[in-house]
């Protein structure tokens, strides 16, 4: 989970027995109710095309000061879950992905190979 811009948090992947998850969610401040003096929040599942493999135990962090417009989140590594043939395979991930502001909807797309990572 990581902060993405003002009043938004991104949650990606994870583990729910017996499977690793491959979904990404955005929690955002929806509005403020003057009558109850409370905020309401909304979960939105991001519609994602090409995305990283299912994983858990990965790291996510905001890349900088959101007041400057740098609203990005980096995700790194974790334990990956892949189906090869009909067999589940677990492996350690050394890949890095970046979620740029502008979601929903969010998209995963490969970065140039020189940068050694992916963007979503």
PDB file of N, CA and C in Angstrom:
ATOM      1  N   UNK A   1       0.849  -1.162   0.000  1.00  0.00           N
ATOM      2  CA  UNK A   1       0.000   0.000   0.000  1.00  0.00           C
ATOM      3  C   UNK A   1       0.899   1.231   0.000  1.00  0.00           C
ATOM      4  N   UNK A   2       0.520   2.254  -0.748  1.00  0.00           N
ATOM      5  CA  UNK A   2       1.307   3.491  -0.809  1.00  0.00           C
ATOM      6  C   UNK A   2       0.404   4.669  -1.158  1.00  0.00           C
ATOM      7  N   UNK A   3       0.848   5.836  -0.795  1.00  0.00           N
ATOM      8  CA  UNK A   3       0.136   7.095  -1.035  1.00  0.00           C
ATOM      9  C   UNK A   3       0.308   7.504  -2.491  1.00  0.00           C
ATOM     10  N   UNK A   4      -0.774   7.917  -3.150  1.00  0.00           N
ATOM     11  CA  UNK A   4      -0.712   8.384  -4.534  1.00  0.00           C
ATOM     12  C   UNK A   4      -1.460   9.699  -4.628  1.00  0.00           C
ATOM     13  N   UNK A   5      -0.749  10.783  -4.420  1.00  0.00           N
ATOM     14  CA  UNK A   5      -1.379  12.086  -4.543  1.00  0.00           C
ATOM     15  C   UNK A   5      -2.265  12.413  -3.358  1.00  0.00           C
ATOM     16  N   UNK A   6      -2.916  13.535  -3.478  1.00  0.00           N
ATOM     17  CA  UNK A   6      -3.731  14.039  -2.385  1.00  0.00           C
ATOM     18  C   UNK A   6      -4.943  13.142  -2.113  1.00  0.00           C
ATOM     19  N   UNK A   7      -5.049  12.675  -0.886  1.00  0.00           N
ATOM     20  CA  UNK A   7      -6.213  11.913  -0.409  1.00  0.00           C
ATOM     21  C   UNK A   7      -6.455  10.618  -1.158  1.00  0.00           C
ATOM     22  N   UNK A   8      -5.369   9.969  -1.641  1.00  0.00           N
ATOM     23  CA  UNK A   8      -5.529   8.693  -2.348  1.00  0.00           C
ATOM     24  C   UNK A   8      -4.453   7.709  -1.892  1.00  0.00           C
ATOM     25  N   UNK A   9      -4.852   6.446  -1.792  1.00  0.00           N
ATOM     26  CA  UNK A   9      -3.943   5.369  -1.420  1.00  0.00           C
ATOM     27  C   UNK A   9      -4.134   4.226  -2.413  1.00  0.00           C
ATOM     28  N   UNK A  10      -3.031   3.600  -2.831  1.00  0.00           N
ATOM     29  CA  UNK A  10      -3.070   2.474  -3.762  1.00  0.00           C
ATOM     30  C   UNK A  10      -2.738   1.192  -3.013  1.00  0.00           C
ATOM     31  N   UNK A  11      -3.502   0.159  -3.273  1.00  0.00           N
ATOM     32  CA  UNK A  11      -3.277  -1.156  -2.702  1.00  0.00           C
ATOM     33  C   UNK A  11      -3.203  -2.137  -3.860  1.00  0.00           C
ATOM     34  N   UNK A  12      -2.100  -2.884  -3.955  1.00  0.00           N
ATOM     35  CA  UNK A  12      -1.927  -3.829  -5.065  1.00  0.00           C
ATOM     36  C   UNK A  12      -1.486  -5.187  -4.566  1.00  0.00           C
ATOM     37  N   UNK A  13      -2.034  -6.203  -5.199  1.00  0.00           N
ATOM     38  CA  UNK A  13      -1.623  -7.579  -5.004  1.00  0.00           C
ATOM     39  C   UNK A  13      -1.803  -8.048  -3.570  1.00  0.00           C
ATOM     40  N   UNK A  14      -1.162  -9.125  -3.193  1.00  0.00           N
ATOM     41  CA  UNK A  14      -1.289  -9.674  -1.854  1.00  0.00           C
ATOM     42  C   UNK A  14      -1.587 -11.159  -1.894  1.00  0.00           C
ATOM     43  N   UNK A  15      -1.982 -11.691  -0.753  1.00  0.00           N
ATOM     44  CA  UNK A  15      -2.196 -13.129  -0.612  1.00  0.00           C
ATOM     45  C   UNK A  15      -3.536 -13.379   0.068  1.00  0.00           C
ATOM     46  N   UNK A  16      -4.344 -14.224  -0.543  1.00  0.00           N
ATOM     47  CA  UNK A  16      -5.607 -14.677   0.053  1.00  0.00           C
ATOM     48  C   UNK A  16      -5.665 -16.177  -0.166  1.00  0.00           C
ATOM     49  N   UNK A  17      -5.437 -16.917   0.886  1.00  0.00           N
ATOM     50  CA  UNK A  17      -5.293 -18.358   0.806  1.00  0.00           C
ATOM     51  C   UNK A  17      -6.369 -18.968  -0.072  1.00  0.00           C
ATOM     52  N   UNK A  18      -6.086 -19.777  -1.040  1.00  0.00           N
ATOM     53  CA  UNK A  18      -4.788 -20.357  -1.368  1.00  0.00           C
ATOM     54  C   UNK A  18      -4.084 -19.640  -2.523  1.00  0.00           C
ATOM     55  N   UNK A  19      -4.544 -18.466  -2.930  1.00  0.00           N
ATOM     56  CA  UNK A  19      -4.012 -17.827  -4.145  1.00  0.00           C
ATOM     57  C   UNK A  19      -3.328 -16.489  -3.853  1.00  0.00           C
ATOM     58  N   UNK A  20      -2.429 -16.113  -4.744  1.00  0.00           N
ATOM     59  CA  UNK A  20      -1.861 -14.773  -4.753  1.00  0.00           C
ATOM     60  C   UNK A  20      -2.802 -13.900  -5.584  1.00  0.00           C
ATOM     61  N   UNK A  21      -2.931 -12.651  -5.207  1.00  0.00           N
ATOM     62  CA  UNK A  21      -3.864 -11.744  -5.879  1.00  0.00           C
ATOM     63  C   UNK A  21      -3.150 -10.929  -6.953  1.00  0.00           C
ATOM     64  N   UNK A  22      -3.901 -10.477  -7.958  1.00  0.00           N
ATOM     65  CA  UNK A  22      -3.314  -9.644  -9.006  1.00  0.00           C
ATOM     66  C   UNK A  22      -4.163  -8.400  -9.291  1.00  0.00           C
ATOM     67  N   UNK A  23      -4.919  -7.961  -8.291  1.00  0.00           N
ATOM     68  CA  UNK A  23      -5.757  -6.785  -8.493  1.00  0.00           C
ATOM     69  C   UNK A  23      -5.137  -5.548  -7.838  1.00  0.00           C
ATOM     70  N   UNK A  24      -5.572  -4.387  -8.294  1.00  0.00           N
ATOM     71  CA  UNK A  24      -5.087  -3.105  -7.772  1.00  0.00           C
ATOM     72  C   UNK A  24      -6.294  -2.230  -7.452  1.00  0.00           C
ATOM     73  N   UNK A  25      -6.269  -1.631  -6.265  1.00  0.00           N
ATOM     74  CA  UNK A  25      -7.382  -0.819  -5.786  1.00  0.00           C
ATOM     75  C   UNK A  25      -6.897   0.573  -5.412  1.00  0.00           C
ATOM     76  N   UNK A  26      -7.772   1.553  -5.574  1.00  0.00           N
ATOM     77  CA  UNK A  26      -7.498   2.931  -5.195  1.00  0.00           C
ATOM     78  C   UNK A  26      -8.536   3.360  -4.166  1.00  0.00           C
ATOM     79  N   UNK A  27      -8.070   3.774  -2.991  1.00  0.00           N
ATOM     80  CA  UNK A  27      -8.945   4.318  -1.955  1.00  0.00           C
ATOM     81  C   UNK A  27      -8.818   5.829  -2.007  1.00  0.00           C
ATOM     82  N   UNK A  28      -9.929   6.513  -2.210  1.00  0.00           N
ATOM     83  CA  UNK A  28      -9.877   7.969  -2.321  1.00  0.00           C
ATOM     84  C   UNK A  28     -10.946   8.631  -1.457  1.00  0.00           C
ATOM     85  N   UNK A  29     -10.629   9.845  -1.040  1.00  0.00           N
ATOM     86  CA  UNK A  29     -11.576  10.651  -0.291  1.00  0.00           C
ATOM     87  C   UNK A  29     -12.706  11.020  -1.240  1.00  0.00           C
ATOM     88  N   UNK A  30     -13.922  10.648  -0.894  1.00  0.00           N
ATOM     89  CA  UNK A  30     -15.056  10.878  -1.788  1.00  0.00           C
ATOM     90  C   UNK A  30     -15.676  12.257  -1.544  1.00  0.00           C
ATOM     91  N   UNK A  31     -16.041  12.528  -0.311  1.00  0.00           N
ATOM     92  CA  UNK A  31     -16.578  13.855   0.015  1.00  0.00           C
ATOM     93  C   UNK A  31     -16.651  14.045   1.523  1.00  0.00           C
ATOM     94  N   UNK A  32     -16.987  15.251   1.927  1.00  0.00           N
ATOM     95  CA  UNK A  32     -17.144  15.581   3.341  1.00  0.00           C
ATOM     96  C   UNK A  32     -18.600  15.925   3.582  1.00  0.00           C
ATOM     97  N   UNK A  33     -19.210  15.280   4.577  1.00  0.00           N
ATOM     98  CA  UNK A  33     -20.608  15.511   4.914  1.00  0.00           C
ATOM     99  C   UNK A  33     -20.673  16.537   6.049  1.00  0.00           C
ATOM    100  N   UNK A  34     -21.174  17.729   5.729  1.00  0.00           N
ATOM    101  CA  UNK A  34     -21.258  18.800   6.732  1.00  0.00           C
ATOM    102  C   UNK A  34     -22.220  18.457   7.868  1.00  0.00           C
ATOM    103  N   UNK A  35     -23.241  17.671   7.581  1.00  0.00           N
ATOM    104  CA  UNK A  35     -24.228  17.328   8.610  1.00  0.00           C
ATOM    105  C   UNK A  35     -23.657  16.396   9.676  1.00  0.00           C
ATOM    106  N   UNK A  36     -22.895  15.407   9.229  1.00  0.00           N
ATOM    107  CA  UNK A  36     -22.324  14.440  10.179  1.00  0.00           C
ATOM    108  C   UNK A  36     -20.902  14.798  10.574  1.00  0.00           C
ATOM    109  N   UNK A  37     -20.318  15.765   9.864  1.00  0.00           N
ATOM    110  CA  UNK A  37     -18.941  16.194  10.113  1.00  0.00           C
ATOM    111  C   UNK A  37     -17.958  15.034   9.921  1.00  0.00           C
ATOM    112  N   UNK A  38     -18.243  14.196   8.884  1.00  0.00           N
ATOM    113  CA  UNK A  38     -17.400  13.047   8.590  1.00  0.00           C
ATOM    114  C   UNK A  38     -17.072  12.980   7.106  1.00  0.00           C
ATOM    115  N   UNK A  39     -15.912  12.390   6.833  1.00  0.00           N
ATOM    116  CA  UNK A  39     -15.506  12.134   5.457  1.00  0.00           C
ATOM    117  C   UNK A  39     -16.059  10.781   5.015  1.00  0.00           C
ATOM    118  N   UNK A  40     -16.329  10.641   3.732  1.00  0.00           N
ATOM    119  CA  UNK A  40     -16.660   9.347   3.159  1.00  0.00           C
ATOM    120  C   UNK A  40     -15.583   9.004   2.142  1.00  0.00           C
ATOM    121  N   UNK A  41     -15.270   7.736   2.051  1.00  0.00           N
ATOM    122  CA  UNK A  41     -14.227   7.252   1.156  1.00  0.00           C
ATOM    123  C   UNK A  41     -14.818   6.262   0.172  1.00  0.00           C
ATOM    124  N   UNK A  42     -14.102   6.051  -0.932  1.00  0.00           N
ATOM    125  CA  UNK A  42     -14.588   5.133  -1.958  1.00  0.00           C
ATOM    126  C   UNK A  42     -13.440   4.263  -2.450  1.00  0.00           C
ATOM    127  N   UNK A  43     -13.683   2.961  -2.585  1.00  0.00           N
ATOM    128  CA  UNK A  43     -12.740   2.035  -3.194  1.00  0.00           C
ATOM    129  C   UNK A  43     -13.081   1.892  -4.669  1.00  0.00           C
ATOM    130  N   UNK A  44     -12.079   2.016  -5.535  1.00  0.00           N
ATOM    131  CA  UNK A  44     -12.253   1.783  -6.967  1.00  0.00           C
ATOM    132  C   UNK A  44     -11.238   0.745  -7.411  1.00  0.00           C
ATOM    133  N   UNK A  45     -11.715  -0.308  -8.057  1.00  0.00           N
ATOM    134  CA  UNK A  45     -10.796  -1.291  -8.625  1.00  0.00           C
ATOM    135  C   UNK A  45     -10.306  -0.758  -9.958  1.00  0.00           C
ATOM    136  N   UNK A  46      -8.995  -0.708 -10.131  1.00  0.00           N
ATOM    137  CA  UNK A  46      -8.434  -0.186 -11.366  1.00  0.00           C
ATOM    138  C   UNK A  46      -8.525  -1.234 -12.466  1.00  0.00           C
ATOM    139  N   UNK A  47      -8.989  -0.804 -13.633  1.00  0.00           N
ATOM    140  CA  UNK A  47      -9.103  -1.674 -14.792  1.00  0.00           C
ATOM    141  C   UNK A  47      -7.740  -1.722 -15.474  1.00  0.00           C
ATOM    142  N   UNK A  48      -7.064  -2.855 -15.354  1.00  0.00           N
ATOM    143  CA  UNK A  48      -5.679  -2.938 -15.784  1.00  0.00           C
ATOM    144  C   UNK A  48      -5.531  -3.952 -16.901  1.00  0.00           C
ATOM    145  N   UNK A  49      -4.779  -3.583 -17.907  1.00  0.00           N
ATOM    146  CA  UNK A  49      -4.479  -4.493 -19.012  1.00  0.00           C
ATOM    147  C   UNK A  49      -3.260  -5.339 -18.675  1.00  0.00           C
ATOM    148  N   UNK A  50      -2.165  -5.124 -19.364  1.00  0.00           N
ATOM    149  CA  UNK A  50      -0.911  -5.837 -19.112  1.00  0.00           C
ATOM    150  C   UNK A  50      -0.413  -5.446 -17.725  1.00  0.00           C
ATOM    151  N   UNK A  51      -0.185  -6.435 -16.858  1.00  0.00           N
ATOM    152  CA  UNK A  51       0.178  -6.133 -15.478  1.00  0.00           C
ATOM    153  C   UNK A  51       1.235  -7.106 -14.969  1.00  0.00           C
ATOM    154  N   UNK A  52       1.857  -6.779 -13.837  1.00  0.00           N
ATOM    155  CA  UNK A  52       2.841  -7.692 -13.255  1.00  0.00           C
ATOM    156  C   UNK A  52       2.195  -9.018 -12.839  1.00  0.00           C
ATOM    157  N   UNK A  53       3.049 -10.030 -12.653  1.00  0.00           N
ATOM    158  CA  UNK A  53       2.559 -11.319 -12.165  1.00  0.00           C
ATOM    159  C   UNK A  53       1.966 -11.182 -10.777  1.00  0.00           C
ATOM    160  N   UNK A  54       1.058 -12.102 -10.435  1.00  0.00           N
ATOM    161  CA  UNK A  54       0.517 -12.157  -9.077  1.00  0.00           C
ATOM    162  C   UNK A  54       1.674 -12.212  -8.097  1.00  0.00           C
ATOM    163  N   UNK A  55       1.512 -11.514  -6.952  1.00  0.00           N
ATOM    164  CA  UNK A  55       2.605 -11.504  -5.987  1.00  0.00           C
ATOM    165  C   UNK A  55       2.120 -11.144  -4.598  1.00  0.00           C
ATOM    166  N   UNK A  56       2.976 -11.421  -3.636  1.00  0.00           N
ATOM    167  CA  UNK A  56       2.759 -11.029  -2.247  1.00  0.00           C
ATOM    168  C   UNK A  56       4.124 -10.696  -1.660  1.00  0.00           C
ATOM    169  N   UNK A  57       4.116 -10.067  -0.497  1.00  0.00           N
ATOM    170  CA  UNK A  57       5.345  -9.731   0.229  1.00  0.00           C
ATOM    171  C   UNK A  57       6.241  -8.789  -0.561  1.00  0.00           C
ATOM    172  N   UNK A  58       5.645  -7.903  -1.345  1.00  0.00           N
ATOM    173  CA  UNK A  58       6.384  -6.916  -2.131  1.00  0.00           C
ATOM    174  C   UNK A  58       6.403  -5.591  -1.374  1.00  0.00           C
ATOM    175  N   UNK A  59       7.203  -4.654  -1.859  1.00  0.00           N
ATOM    176  CA  UNK A  59       7.265  -3.331  -1.254  1.00  0.00           C
ATOM    177  C   UNK A  59       6.657  -2.285  -2.177  1.00  0.00           C
ATOM    178  N   UNK A  60       6.000  -1.279  -1.583  1.00  0.00           N
ATOM    179  CA  UNK A  60       5.443  -0.162  -2.345  1.00  0.00           C
ATOM    180  C   UNK A  60       5.740   1.120  -1.588  1.00  0.00           C
ATOM    181  N   UNK A  61       6.081   2.183  -2.324  1.00  0.00           N
ATOM    182  CA  UNK A  61       6.374   3.465  -1.691  1.00  0.00           C
ATOM    183  C   UNK A  61       6.080   4.605  -2.657  1.00  0.00           C
ATOM    184  N   UNK A  62       5.712   5.742  -2.100  1.00  0.00           N
ATOM    185  CA  UNK A  62       5.533   6.961  -2.882  1.00  0.00           C
ATOM    186  C   UNK A  62       6.903   7.467  -3.303  1.00  0.00           C
ATOM    187  N   UNK A  63       6.990   8.065  -4.491  1.00  0.00           N
ATOM    188  CA  UNK A  63       8.290   8.497  -5.007  1.00  0.00           C
ATOM    189  C   UNK A  63       8.683   9.907  -4.629  1.00  0.00           C
ATOM    190  N   UNK A  64       7.797  10.676  -4.062  1.00  0.00           N
ATOM    191  CA  UNK A  64       8.220  12.035  -3.756  1.00  0.00           C
ATOM    192  C   UNK A  64       7.142  12.917  -3.185  1.00  0.00           C
ATOM    193  N   UNK A  65       7.393  14.185  -3.252  1.00  0.00           N
ATOM    194  CA  UNK A  65       6.522  15.214  -2.707  1.00  0.00           C
ATOM    195  C   UNK A  65       5.346  15.428  -3.648  1.00  0.00           C
ATOM    196  N   UNK A  66       4.154  15.014  -3.221  1.00  0.00           N
ATOM    197  CA  UNK A  66       2.988  15.121  -4.088  1.00  0.00           C
ATOM    198  C   UNK A  66       2.579  16.565  -4.335  1.00  0.00           C
ATOM    199  N   UNK A  67       3.053  17.504  -3.518  1.00  0.00           N
ATOM    200  CA  UNK A  67       2.711  18.910  -3.751  1.00  0.00           C
ATOM    201  C   UNK A  67       3.403  19.446  -5.002  1.00  0.00           C
ATOM    202  N   UNK A  68       4.457  18.766  -5.464  1.00  0.00           N
ATOM    203  CA  UNK A  68       5.165  19.190  -6.678  1.00  0.00           C
ATOM    204  C   UNK A  68       4.609  18.504  -7.916  1.00  0.00           C
ATOM    205  N   UNK A  69       3.622  17.644  -7.732  1.00  0.00           N
ATOM    206  CA  UNK A  69       3.029  16.947  -8.865  1.00  0.00           C
ATOM    207  C   UNK A  69       3.664  15.597  -9.142  1.00  0.00           C
ATOM    208  N   UNK A  70       4.616  15.166  -8.310  1.00  0.00           N
ATOM    209  CA  UNK A  70       5.236  13.861  -8.490  1.00  0.00           C
ATOM    210  C   UNK A  70       4.391  12.815  -7.794  1.00  0.00           C
ATOM    211  N   UNK A  71       3.311  12.417  -8.432  1.00  0.00           N
ATOM    212  CA  UNK A  71       2.364  11.463  -7.843  1.00  0.00           C
ATOM    213  C   UNK A  71       2.601  10.081  -8.435  1.00  0.00           C
ATOM    214  N   UNK A  72       3.647   9.417  -7.989  1.00  0.00           N
ATOM    215  CA  UNK A  72       3.976   8.084  -8.477  1.00  0.00           C
ATOM    216  C   UNK A  72       4.227   7.151  -7.304  1.00  0.00           C
ATOM    217  N   UNK A  73       3.996   5.857  -7.555  1.00  0.00           N
ATOM    218  CA  UNK A  73       4.257   4.821  -6.570  1.00  0.00           C
ATOM    219  C   UNK A  73       5.159   3.779  -7.227  1.00  0.00           C
ATOM    220  N   UNK A  74       6.183   3.339  -6.494  1.00  0.00           N
ATOM    221  CA  UNK A  74       7.077   2.285  -6.967  1.00  0.00           C
ATOM    222  C   UNK A  74       6.737   1.000  -6.239  1.00  0.00           C
ATOM    223  N   UNK A  75       6.664  -0.094  -6.992  1.00  0.00           N
ATOM    224  CA  UNK A  75       6.475  -1.414  -6.411  1.00  0.00           C
ATOM    225  C   UNK A  75       7.678  -2.253  -6.790  1.00  0.00           C
ATOM    226  N   UNK A  76       8.235  -2.995  -5.809  1.00  0.00           N
ATOM    227  CA  UNK A  76       9.431  -3.788  -6.079  1.00  0.00           C
ATOM    228  C   UNK A  76       9.302  -5.190  -5.499  1.00  0.00           C
ATOM    229  N   UNK A  77       9.772  -6.152  -6.282  1.00  0.00           N
ATOM    230  CA  UNK A  77      10.003  -7.509  -5.806  1.00  0.00           C
ATOM    231  C   UNK A  77       8.795  -8.252  -5.306  1.00  0.00           C
ATOM    232  N   UNK A  78       9.024  -9.002  -4.250  1.00  0.00           N
ATOM    233  CA  UNK A  78       7.998  -9.842  -3.667  1.00  0.00           C
ATOM    234  C   UNK A  78       8.173 -11.285  -4.078  1.00  0.00           C
ATOM    235  N   UNK A  79       7.196 -12.076  -3.734  1.00  0.00           N
ATOM    236  CA  UNK A  79       7.171 -13.483  -4.117  1.00  0.00           C
ATOM    237  C   UNK A  79       6.137 -13.607  -5.227  1.00  0.00           C
ATOM    238  N   UNK A  80       6.561 -14.048  -6.406  1.00  0.00           N
ATOM    239  CA  UNK A  80       5.698 -14.107  -7.579  1.00  0.00           C
ATOM    240  C   UNK A  80       5.025 -15.466  -7.701  1.00  0.00           C
ATOM    241  N   UNK A  81       3.825 -15.457  -8.239  1.00  0.00           N
ATOM    242  CA  UNK A  81       3.045 -16.675  -8.452  1.00  0.00           C
ATOM    243  C   UNK A  81       2.706 -16.753  -9.926  1.00  0.00           C
ATOM    244  N   UNK A  82       3.162 -17.817 -10.577  1.00  0.00           N
ATOM    245  CA  UNK A  82       2.925 -17.972 -12.014  1.00  0.00           C
ATOM    246  C   UNK A  82       2.466 -19.398 -12.281  1.00  0.00           C
ATOM    247  N   UNK A  83       1.571 -19.566 -13.245  1.00  0.00           N
ATOM    248  CA  UNK A  83       1.146 -20.898 -13.665  1.00  0.00           C
ATOM    249  C   UNK A  83       1.931 -21.249 -14.924  1.00  0.00           C
ATOM    250  N   UNK A  84       2.716 -22.324 -14.845  1.00  0.00           N
ATOM    251  CA  UNK A  84       3.466 -22.806 -16.006  1.00  0.00           C
ATOM    252  C   UNK A  84       2.915 -24.185 -16.337  1.00  0.00           C
ATOM    253  N   UNK A  85       2.328 -24.296 -17.534  1.00  0.00           N
ATOM    254  CA  UNK A  85       1.581 -25.513 -17.867  1.00  0.00           C
ATOM    255  C   UNK A  85       0.364 -25.544 -16.982  1.00  0.00           C
ATOM    256  N   UNK A  86       0.260 -26.529 -16.128  1.00  0.00           N
ATOM    257  CA  UNK A  86      -0.831 -26.574 -15.148  1.00  0.00           C
ATOM    258  C   UNK A  86      -0.286 -26.534 -13.725  1.00  0.00           C
ATOM    259  N   UNK A  87       1.005 -26.191 -13.602  1.00  0.00           N
ATOM    260  CA  UNK A  87       1.654 -26.194 -12.298  1.00  0.00           C
ATOM    261  C   UNK A  87       1.886 -24.788 -11.758  1.00  0.00           C
ATOM    262  N   UNK A  88       1.526 -24.549 -10.498  1.00  0.00           N
ATOM    263  CA  UNK A  88       1.854 -23.256  -9.889  1.00  0.00           C
ATOM    264  C   UNK A  88       3.345 -23.208  -9.545  1.00  0.00           C
ATOM    265  N   UNK A  89       3.968 -22.068  -9.837  1.00  0.00           N
ATOM    266  CA  UNK A  89       5.397 -21.893  -9.575  1.00  0.00           C
ATOM    267  C   UNK A  89       5.582 -20.610  -8.777  1.00  0.00           C
ATOM    268  N   UNK A  90       6.308 -20.710  -7.645  1.00  0.00           N
ATOM    269  CA  UNK A  90       6.655 -19.539  -6.847  1.00  0.00           C
ATOM    270  C   UNK A  90       8.100 -19.161  -7.126  1.00  0.00           C
ATOM    271  N   UNK A  91       8.367 -17.870  -7.273  1.00  0.00           N
ATOM    272  CA  UNK A  91       9.741 -17.419  -7.455  1.00  0.00           C
ATOM    273  C   UNK A  91       9.900 -16.022  -6.880  1.00  0.00           C
ATOM    274  N   UNK A  92      11.106 -15.653  -6.579  1.00  0.00           N
ATOM    275  CA  UNK A  92      11.400 -14.326  -6.027  1.00  0.00           C
ATOM    276  C   UNK A  92      11.423 -13.312  -7.155  1.00  0.00           C
ATOM    277  N   UNK A  93      10.776 -12.179  -6.925  1.00  0.00           N
ATOM    278  CA  UNK A  93      10.735 -11.130  -7.932  1.00  0.00           C
ATOM    279  C   UNK A  93      11.817 -10.100  -7.706  1.00  0.00           C
ATOM    280  N   UNK A  94      12.483  -9.699  -8.755  1.00  0.00           N
ATOM    281  CA  UNK A  94      13.466  -8.635  -8.693  1.00  0.00           C
ATOM    282  C   UNK A  94      13.063  -7.488  -9.607  1.00  0.00           C
ATOM    283  N   UNK A  95      11.806  -7.490 -10.019  1.00  0.00           N
ATOM    284  CA  UNK A  95      11.320  -6.471 -10.946  1.00  0.00           C
ATOM    285  C   UNK A  95      10.784  -5.255 -10.200  1.00  0.00           C
ATOM    286  N   UNK A  96      10.794  -4.127 -10.880  1.00  0.00           N
ATOM    287  CA  UNK A  96      10.263  -2.880 -10.324  1.00  0.00           C
ATOM    288  C   UNK A  96       9.209  -2.330 -11.279  1.00  0.00           C
ATOM    289  N   UNK A  97       8.135  -1.783 -10.719  1.00  0.00           N
ATOM    290  CA  UNK A  97       7.051  -1.196 -11.504  1.00  0.00           C
ATOM    291  C   UNK A  97       6.745   0.180 -10.938  1.00  0.00           C
ATOM    292  N   UNK A  98       6.271   1.066 -11.809  1.00  0.00           N
ATOM    293  CA  UNK A  98       5.899   2.428 -11.387  1.00  0.00           C
ATOM    294  C   UNK A  98       4.449   2.675 -11.757  1.00  0.00           C
ATOM    295  N   UNK A  99       3.666   3.171 -10.797  1.00  0.00           N
ATOM    296  CA  UNK A  99       2.293   3.602 -11.058  1.00  0.00           C
ATOM    297  C   UNK A  99       2.304   5.111 -11.103  1.00  0.00           C
ATOM    298  N   UNK A 100       2.027   5.668 -12.269  1.00  0.00           N
ATOM    299  CA  UNK A 100       1.982   7.115 -12.444  1.00  0.00           C
ATOM    300  C   UNK A 100       0.581   7.621 -12.101  1.00  0.00           C
ATOM    301  N   UNK A 101       0.501   8.857 -11.686  1.00  0.00           N
ATOM    302  CA  UNK A 101      -0.793   9.467 -11.390  1.00  0.00           C
ATOM    303  C   UNK A 101      -1.633   9.490 -12.663  1.00  0.00           C
ATOM    304  N   UNK A 102      -2.898   9.596 -12.482  1.00  0.00           N
ATOM    305  CA  UNK A 102      -3.787   9.634 -13.625  1.00  0.00           C
ATOM    306  C   UNK A 102      -4.772   8.480 -13.594  1.00  0.00           C
ATOM    307  N   UNK A 103      -4.898   7.812 -12.460  1.00  0.00           N
ATOM    308  CA  UNK A 103      -5.825   6.705 -12.382  1.00  0.00           C
ATOM    309  C   UNK A 103      -6.955   7.076 -11.428  1.00  0.00           C
ATOM    310  N   UNK A 104      -8.138   6.472 -11.456  1.00  0.00           N
ATOM    311  CA  UNK A 104      -8.434   5.464 -12.440  1.00  0.00           C
ATOM    312  C   UNK A 104      -8.722   6.057 -13.813  1.00  0.00           C
ATOM    313  N   UNK A 105      -8.670   5.300 -14.898  1.00  0.00           N
ATOM    314  CA  UNK A 105      -8.182   3.935 -14.913  1.00  0.00           C
ATOM    315  C   UNK A 105      -6.666   3.908 -14.959  1.00  0.00           C
ATOM    316  N   UNK A 106      -6.061   2.869 -14.430  1.00  0.00           N
ATOM    317  CA  UNK A 106      -4.602   2.714 -14.456  1.00  0.00           C
ATOM    318  C   UNK A 106      -4.234   1.702 -15.514  1.00  0.00           C
ATOM    319  N   UNK A 107      -3.055   1.806 -16.028  1.00  0.00           N
ATOM    320  CA  UNK A 107      -2.590   0.855 -17.038  1.00  0.00           C
ATOM    321  C   UNK A 107      -1.180   0.417 -16.711  1.00  0.00           C
ATOM    322  N   UNK A 108      -0.908  -0.839 -16.903  1.00  0.00           N
ATOM    323  CA  UNK A 108       0.450  -1.349 -16.838  1.00  0.00           C
ATOM    324  C   UNK A 108       1.006  -1.324 -18.254  1.00  0.00           C
ATOM    325  N   UNK A 109       2.208  -0.844 -18.426  1.00  0.00           N
ATOM    326  CA  UNK A 109       2.844  -0.856 -19.738  1.00  0.00           C
ATOM    327  C   UNK A 109       4.347  -0.950 -19.543  1.00  0.00           C
ATOM    328  N   UNK A 110       5.046  -1.717 -20.376  1.00  0.00           N
ATOM    329  CA  UNK A 110       6.488  -1.862 -20.194  1.00  0.00           C
ATOM    330  C   UNK A 110       7.220  -0.541 -20.418  1.00  0.00           C
ATOM    331  N   UNK A 111       8.224  -0.286 -19.580  1.00  0.00           N
ATOM    332  CA  UNK A 111       9.144   0.816 -19.817  1.00  0.00           C
ATOM    333  C   UNK A 111      10.214   0.344 -20.782  1.00  0.00           C
ATOM    334  N   UNK A 112      11.052   1.256 -21.255  1.00  0.00           N
ATOM    335  CA  UNK A 112      12.194   0.855 -22.069  1.00  0.00           C
ATOM    336  C   UNK A 112      13.062  -0.098 -21.269  1.00  0.00           C
ATOM    337  N   UNK A 113      13.640  -1.082 -21.937  1.00  0.00           N
ATOM    338  CA  UNK A 113      14.443  -2.081 -21.236  1.00  0.00           C
ATOM    339  C   UNK A 113      15.670  -1.462 -20.580  1.00  0.00           C
ATOM    340  N   UNK A 114      16.142  -0.323 -21.062  1.00  0.00           N
ATOM    341  CA  UNK A 114      17.298   0.346 -20.461  1.00  0.00           C
ATOM    342  C   UNK A 114      17.001   0.796 -19.035  1.00  0.00           C
ATOM    343  N   UNK A 115      15.731   1.057 -18.731  1.00  0.00           N
ATOM    344  CA  UNK A 115      15.373   1.537 -17.413  1.00  0.00           C
ATOM    345  C   UNK A 115      15.181   0.399 -16.426  1.00  0.00           C
ATOM    346  N   UNK A 116      15.123  -0.834 -16.909  1.00  0.00           N
ATOM    347  CA  UNK A 116      15.073  -1.990 -16.027  1.00  0.00           C
ATOM    348  C   UNK A 116      13.805  -2.141 -15.220  1.00  0.00           C
ATOM    349  N   UNK A 117      12.689  -1.633 -15.669  1.00  0.00           N
ATOM    350  CA  UNK A 117      11.469  -1.757 -14.906  1.00  0.00           C
ATOM    351  C   UNK A 117      10.255  -1.699 -15.783  1.00  0.00           C
ATOM    352  N   UNK A 118       9.131  -1.588 -15.175  1.00  0.00           N
ATOM    353  CA  UNK A 118       7.859  -1.504 -15.880  1.00  0.00           C
ATOM    354  C   UNK A 118       7.067  -0.338 -15.318  1.00  0.00           C
ATOM    355  N   UNK A 119       6.123   0.136 -16.108  1.00  0.00           N
ATOM    356  CA  UNK A 119       5.235   1.193 -15.641  1.00  0.00           C
ATOM    357  C   UNK A 119       3.820   0.664 -15.700  1.00  0.00           C
ATOM    358  N   UNK A 120       3.012   1.019 -14.713  1.00  0.00           N
ATOM    359  CA  UNK A 120       1.587   0.650 -14.770  1.00  0.00           C
ATOM    360  C   UNK A 120       0.744   1.823 -14.375  1.00  0.00           C
TER     361      UNK A 120
END
